[in-house]
Amino acid sequence: MAVKKPRKKAEPIKKTTGKGGNYRPTGKGAGMTKKGVAAYRKANPGSKLKTAVTGKVKKGSKAAKRRKSYCARSLGQLKKSSAKTKNDPNSRIRQARKRWKC
C-alpha cells in the first residue's frame, strides 16, 4: 500500500485590495504593486524581485532584457493555461503581458 503524504496548508489568497493588497487588480494590469514588492523583499532578504518594466526602454538595456525574458516566460504560462484563460482578454496573465508590453 502507498503511504499518503500529509497535505500542505493552503497559502492565503492573494488580495488585491485592503490590508495586504500587494497585487494589482486585473483591470489595472495584474502583477505586484511597489508596496507588494517591498513587502516581499523585506520577508525574503537577498531577493532581487522588481516591479514590471512598463516604460519605454533602450534596445539592449537591462530593462529591455528583463522585458524580453518575462515575455518569453509568460508566453509559456499562457500556452499551458486553460482554453478559458487563453481566450479571455481580461485574464490575469493576459493583462500582465499587456502591462509589460509583450
N, C-alpha and C. Protein backbone atom coordinates (compact mmCIF):
# COMPACT_ATOMS: atom_id res chain seq x y z
N MET A 1 0.82 -1.20 0.00
CA MET A 1 0.00 0.00 0.00
C MET A 1 0.86 1.26 0.00
N ALA A 2 0.43 2.24 -0.73
CA ALA A 2 1.15 3.51 -0.80
C ALA A 2 0.81 4.35 0.43
N VAL A 3 1.82 5.01 0.96
CA VAL A 3 1.63 5.87 2.12
C VAL A 3 1.27 7.27 1.64
N LYS A 4 0.20 7.81 2.17
CA LYS A 4 -0.22 9.15 1.78
C LYS A 4 0.62 10.19 2.49
N LYS A 5 1.04 11.19 1.73
CA LYS A 5 1.81 12.29 2.31
C LYS A 5 0.83 13.30 2.90
N PRO A 6 1.20 13.92 4.02
CA PRO A 6 0.30 14.95 4.58
C PRO A 6 0.23 16.14 3.64
N ARG A 7 -0.95 16.73 3.52
CA ARG A 7 -1.15 17.87 2.63
C ARG A 7 -0.58 19.14 3.25
N LYS A 8 -0.04 19.99 2.41
CA LYS A 8 0.46 21.28 2.88
C LYS A 8 -0.73 22.20 3.13
N LYS A 9 -0.54 23.11 4.07
CA LYS A 9 -1.60 24.09 4.33
C LYS A 9 -1.72 25.00 3.11
N ALA A 10 -2.94 25.34 2.80
CA ALA A 10 -3.18 26.22 1.65
C ALA A 10 -2.61 27.60 1.93
N GLU A 11 -2.01 28.19 0.90
CA GLU A 11 -1.48 29.54 1.04
C GLU A 11 -2.64 30.52 1.10
N PRO A 12 -2.46 31.64 1.81
CA PRO A 12 -3.55 32.62 1.85
C PRO A 12 -3.85 33.16 0.46
N ILE A 13 -5.08 33.51 0.24
CA ILE A 13 -5.50 34.04 -1.06
C ILE A 13 -4.83 35.39 -1.29
N LYS A 14 -4.35 35.60 -2.51
CA LYS A 14 -3.69 36.85 -2.86
C LYS A 14 -4.74 37.95 -2.98
N LYS A 15 -4.65 38.95 -2.11
CA LYS A 15 -5.61 40.04 -2.12
C LYS A 15 -5.14 41.15 -3.06
N THR A 16 -6.10 41.85 -3.61
CA THR A 16 -5.75 42.99 -4.46
C THR A 16 -6.14 44.30 -3.81
N THR A 17 -6.94 44.25 -2.74
CA THR A 17 -7.34 45.48 -2.07
C THR A 17 -7.24 45.30 -0.56
N GLY A 18 -7.30 46.41 0.15
CA GLY A 18 -7.28 46.35 1.61
C GLY A 18 -5.91 46.02 2.16
N LYS A 19 -5.87 45.65 3.45
CA LYS A 19 -4.60 45.32 4.10
C LYS A 19 -3.99 44.10 3.42
N GLY A 20 -2.73 44.19 3.08
CA GLY A 20 -2.07 43.09 2.39
C GLY A 20 -2.37 43.07 0.91
N GLY A 21 -2.89 44.19 0.38
CA GLY A 21 -3.22 44.27 -1.05
C GLY A 21 -1.97 44.50 -1.86
N ASN A 22 -1.18 43.46 -2.04
CA ASN A 22 0.10 43.59 -2.72
C ASN A 22 0.03 43.27 -4.21
N TYR A 23 -1.15 42.97 -4.70
CA TYR A 23 -1.29 42.61 -6.10
C TYR A 23 -2.25 43.57 -6.79
N ARG A 24 -1.89 43.96 -7.98
CA ARG A 24 -2.68 44.88 -8.78
C ARG A 24 -3.92 44.15 -9.29
N PRO A 25 -5.10 44.79 -9.25
CA PRO A 25 -6.29 44.13 -9.80
C PRO A 25 -6.13 43.89 -11.30
N THR A 26 -6.86 42.92 -11.81
CA THR A 26 -6.74 42.56 -13.23
C THR A 26 -7.00 43.76 -14.13
N GLY A 27 -7.99 44.57 -13.78
CA GLY A 27 -8.31 45.73 -14.60
C GLY A 27 -7.19 46.75 -14.70
N LYS A 28 -6.26 46.71 -13.74
CA LYS A 28 -5.13 47.65 -13.75
C LYS A 28 -3.83 46.98 -14.17
N GLY A 29 -3.95 45.82 -14.81
CA GLY A 29 -2.77 45.18 -15.38
C GLY A 29 -2.17 44.03 -14.61
N ALA A 30 -2.81 43.57 -13.53
CA ALA A 30 -2.34 42.43 -12.74
C ALA A 30 -0.92 42.68 -12.22
N GLY A 31 -0.24 41.68 -11.74
CA GLY A 31 1.13 41.82 -11.23
C GLY A 31 1.18 42.42 -9.84
N MET A 32 2.38 42.60 -9.32
CA MET A 32 2.59 43.13 -7.98
C MET A 32 2.73 44.64 -7.99
N THR A 33 2.33 45.24 -6.87
CA THR A 33 2.49 46.68 -6.69
C THR A 33 3.88 46.96 -6.11
N LYS A 34 4.29 48.22 -6.09
CA LYS A 34 5.57 48.59 -5.47
C LYS A 34 5.56 48.17 -4.00
N LYS A 35 4.43 48.40 -3.34
CA LYS A 35 4.27 48.03 -1.94
C LYS A 35 4.43 46.52 -1.75
N GLY A 36 3.86 45.77 -2.67
CA GLY A 36 3.95 44.31 -2.62
C GLY A 36 5.38 43.82 -2.80
N VAL A 37 6.10 44.43 -3.73
CA VAL A 37 7.49 44.05 -3.97
C VAL A 37 8.33 44.37 -2.74
N ALA A 38 8.09 45.54 -2.14
CA ALA A 38 8.82 45.93 -0.93
C ALA A 38 8.55 44.95 0.20
N ALA A 39 7.29 44.54 0.36
CA ALA A 39 6.92 43.58 1.41
C ALA A 39 7.60 42.23 1.18
N TYR A 40 7.62 41.79 -0.08
CA TYR A 40 8.25 40.52 -0.42
C TYR A 40 9.75 40.56 -0.12
N ARG A 41 10.39 41.67 -0.52
CA ARG A 41 11.84 41.79 -0.31
C ARG A 41 12.18 41.86 1.17
N LYS A 42 11.29 42.45 1.96
CA LYS A 42 11.51 42.51 3.41
C LYS A 42 11.40 41.11 4.02
N ALA A 43 10.43 40.33 3.54
CA ALA A 43 10.23 38.98 4.05
C ALA A 43 11.28 38.00 3.53
N ASN A 44 11.92 38.33 2.40
CA ASN A 44 12.91 37.45 1.78
C ASN A 44 14.20 38.22 1.52
N PRO A 45 15.04 38.40 2.55
CA PRO A 45 16.29 39.16 2.37
C PRO A 45 17.14 38.56 1.26
N GLY A 46 17.75 39.43 0.48
CA GLY A 46 18.59 38.98 -0.63
C GLY A 46 17.83 38.83 -1.93
N SER A 47 16.52 39.02 -1.88
CA SER A 47 15.70 38.89 -3.08
C SER A 47 15.99 40.05 -4.04
N LYS A 48 15.89 39.77 -5.32
CA LYS A 48 16.12 40.80 -6.33
C LYS A 48 14.84 41.08 -7.12
N LEU A 49 13.70 40.78 -6.52
CA LEU A 49 12.41 40.99 -7.18
C LEU A 49 12.21 42.47 -7.50
N LYS A 50 11.72 42.75 -8.69
CA LYS A 50 11.47 44.12 -9.12
C LYS A 50 10.08 44.21 -9.72
N THR A 51 9.58 45.44 -9.87
CA THR A 51 8.27 45.64 -10.50
C THR A 51 8.41 45.52 -12.01
N ALA A 52 7.28 45.55 -12.69
CA ALA A 52 7.24 45.38 -14.14
C ALA A 52 7.98 46.50 -14.88
N VAL A 53 8.51 46.15 -16.05
CA VAL A 53 9.12 47.13 -16.94
C VAL A 53 7.99 47.62 -17.84
N THR A 54 7.49 48.83 -17.55
CA THR A 54 6.31 49.31 -18.27
C THR A 54 6.61 50.49 -19.20
N GLY A 55 7.71 51.16 -18.98
CA GLY A 55 8.01 52.35 -19.78
C GLY A 55 8.76 52.03 -21.06
N LYS A 56 9.18 53.10 -21.73
CA LYS A 56 9.96 52.96 -22.95
C LYS A 56 11.40 52.64 -22.55
N VAL A 57 12.02 51.67 -23.22
CA VAL A 57 13.38 51.27 -22.87
C VAL A 57 14.28 51.28 -24.09
N LYS A 58 15.58 51.48 -23.83
CA LYS A 58 16.55 51.45 -24.92
C LYS A 58 16.80 50.00 -25.31
N LYS A 59 16.94 49.76 -26.59
CA LYS A 59 17.20 48.42 -27.11
C LYS A 59 18.51 47.90 -26.52
N GLY A 60 18.48 46.69 -25.97
CA GLY A 60 19.69 46.07 -25.42
C GLY A 60 19.99 46.43 -23.97
N SER A 61 19.19 47.33 -23.36
CA SER A 61 19.42 47.71 -21.97
C SER A 61 18.99 46.58 -21.03
N LYS A 62 19.37 46.70 -19.75
CA LYS A 62 18.99 45.67 -18.77
C LYS A 62 17.48 45.54 -18.69
N ALA A 63 16.79 46.66 -18.70
CA ALA A 63 15.33 46.64 -18.62
C ALA A 63 14.72 45.95 -19.84
N ALA A 64 15.29 46.20 -21.00
CA ALA A 64 14.79 45.58 -22.23
C ALA A 64 14.99 44.06 -22.17
N LYS A 65 16.12 43.64 -21.61
CA LYS A 65 16.40 42.22 -21.48
C LYS A 65 15.45 41.56 -20.47
N ARG A 66 15.14 42.28 -19.38
CA ARG A 66 14.18 41.76 -18.39
C ARG A 66 12.82 41.59 -19.04
N ARG A 67 12.42 42.59 -19.83
CA ARG A 67 11.12 42.52 -20.51
C ARG A 67 11.07 41.33 -21.47
N LYS A 68 12.12 41.19 -22.25
CA LYS A 68 12.16 40.10 -23.23
C LYS A 68 12.08 38.74 -22.51
N SER A 69 12.79 38.62 -21.41
CA SER A 69 12.80 37.38 -20.64
C SER A 69 11.42 37.10 -20.05
N TYR A 70 10.80 38.13 -19.46
CA TYR A 70 9.46 37.96 -18.89
C TYR A 70 8.46 37.55 -19.97
N CYS A 71 8.52 38.22 -21.10
CA CYS A 71 7.58 37.93 -22.18
C CYS A 71 7.71 36.48 -22.65
N ALA A 72 8.94 35.98 -22.73
CA ALA A 72 9.16 34.60 -23.14
C ALA A 72 8.59 33.63 -22.11
N ARG A 73 8.85 33.90 -20.81
CA ARG A 73 8.34 33.02 -19.74
C ARG A 73 6.83 33.05 -19.69
N SER A 74 6.25 34.24 -19.78
CA SER A 74 4.81 34.36 -19.64
C SER A 74 4.07 33.77 -20.84
N LEU A 75 4.71 33.76 -22.00
CA LEU A 75 4.09 33.14 -23.16
C LEU A 75 3.93 31.63 -22.91
N GLY A 76 4.94 31.04 -22.28
CA GLY A 76 4.86 29.62 -21.92
C GLY A 76 3.73 29.37 -20.93
N GLN A 77 3.57 30.27 -19.95
CA GLN A 77 2.47 30.14 -18.98
C GLN A 77 1.14 30.25 -19.69
N LEU A 78 1.04 31.18 -20.61
CA LEU A 78 -0.21 31.40 -21.35
C LEU A 78 -0.56 30.16 -22.17
N LYS A 79 0.43 29.59 -22.83
CA LYS A 79 0.19 28.40 -23.66
C LYS A 79 -0.26 27.21 -22.83
N LYS A 80 0.24 27.09 -21.59
CA LYS A 80 -0.11 25.95 -20.74
C LYS A 80 -1.40 26.16 -19.96
N SER A 81 -1.97 27.35 -20.02
CA SER A 81 -3.19 27.63 -19.27
C SER A 81 -4.41 27.05 -19.99
N SER A 82 -5.53 27.08 -19.30
CA SER A 82 -6.76 26.51 -19.86
C SER A 82 -7.25 27.33 -21.04
N ALA A 83 -8.11 26.72 -21.84
CA ALA A 83 -8.67 27.41 -23.01
C ALA A 83 -9.43 28.65 -22.58
N LYS A 84 -10.11 28.56 -21.44
CA LYS A 84 -10.88 29.70 -20.93
C LYS A 84 -9.95 30.89 -20.65
N THR A 85 -8.81 30.62 -20.01
CA THR A 85 -7.85 31.68 -19.70
C THR A 85 -7.19 32.21 -20.96
N LYS A 86 -6.82 31.31 -21.87
CA LYS A 86 -6.16 31.72 -23.12
C LYS A 86 -7.00 32.69 -23.91
N ASN A 87 -8.31 32.43 -23.97
CA ASN A 87 -9.20 33.22 -24.81
C ASN A 87 -9.81 34.43 -24.11
N ASP A 88 -9.60 34.56 -22.80
CA ASP A 88 -10.18 35.67 -22.05
C ASP A 88 -9.23 36.86 -22.05
N PRO A 89 -9.58 37.96 -22.70
CA PRO A 89 -8.68 39.12 -22.73
C PRO A 89 -8.49 39.77 -21.35
N ASN A 90 -9.35 39.44 -20.40
CA ASN A 90 -9.24 40.02 -19.06
C ASN A 90 -8.61 39.08 -18.05
N SER A 91 -8.01 37.97 -18.50
CA SER A 91 -7.36 37.05 -17.57
C SER A 91 -6.11 37.73 -17.01
N ARG A 92 -5.68 37.31 -15.83
CA ARG A 92 -4.52 37.93 -15.18
C ARG A 92 -3.26 37.84 -16.04
N ILE A 93 -3.03 36.69 -16.65
CA ILE A 93 -1.81 36.54 -17.44
C ILE A 93 -1.83 37.46 -18.66
N ARG A 94 -2.97 37.58 -19.32
CA ARG A 94 -3.06 38.46 -20.49
C ARG A 94 -2.91 39.92 -20.09
N GLN A 95 -3.51 40.31 -18.98
CA GLN A 95 -3.41 41.70 -18.52
C GLN A 95 -1.98 42.03 -18.11
N ALA A 96 -1.31 41.08 -17.46
CA ALA A 96 0.08 41.30 -17.05
C ALA A 96 0.97 41.45 -18.29
N ARG A 97 0.77 40.58 -19.28
CA ARG A 97 1.55 40.67 -20.51
C ARG A 97 1.31 42.00 -21.23
N LYS A 98 0.09 42.48 -21.17
CA LYS A 98 -0.25 43.77 -21.80
C LYS A 98 0.50 44.89 -21.06
N ARG A 99 0.53 44.81 -19.74
CA ARG A 99 1.20 45.83 -18.94
C ARG A 99 2.71 45.84 -19.21
N TRP A 100 3.28 44.68 -19.40
CA TRP A 100 4.72 44.57 -19.69
C TRP A 100 5.01 44.91 -21.16
N LYS A 101 3.96 45.11 -21.97
CA LYS A 101 4.07 45.40 -23.40
C LYS A 101 4.68 44.24 -24.17
N CYS A 102 4.15 43.04 -23.92
CA CYS A 102 4.61 41.83 -24.63
C CYS A 102 3.82 41.70 -25.92
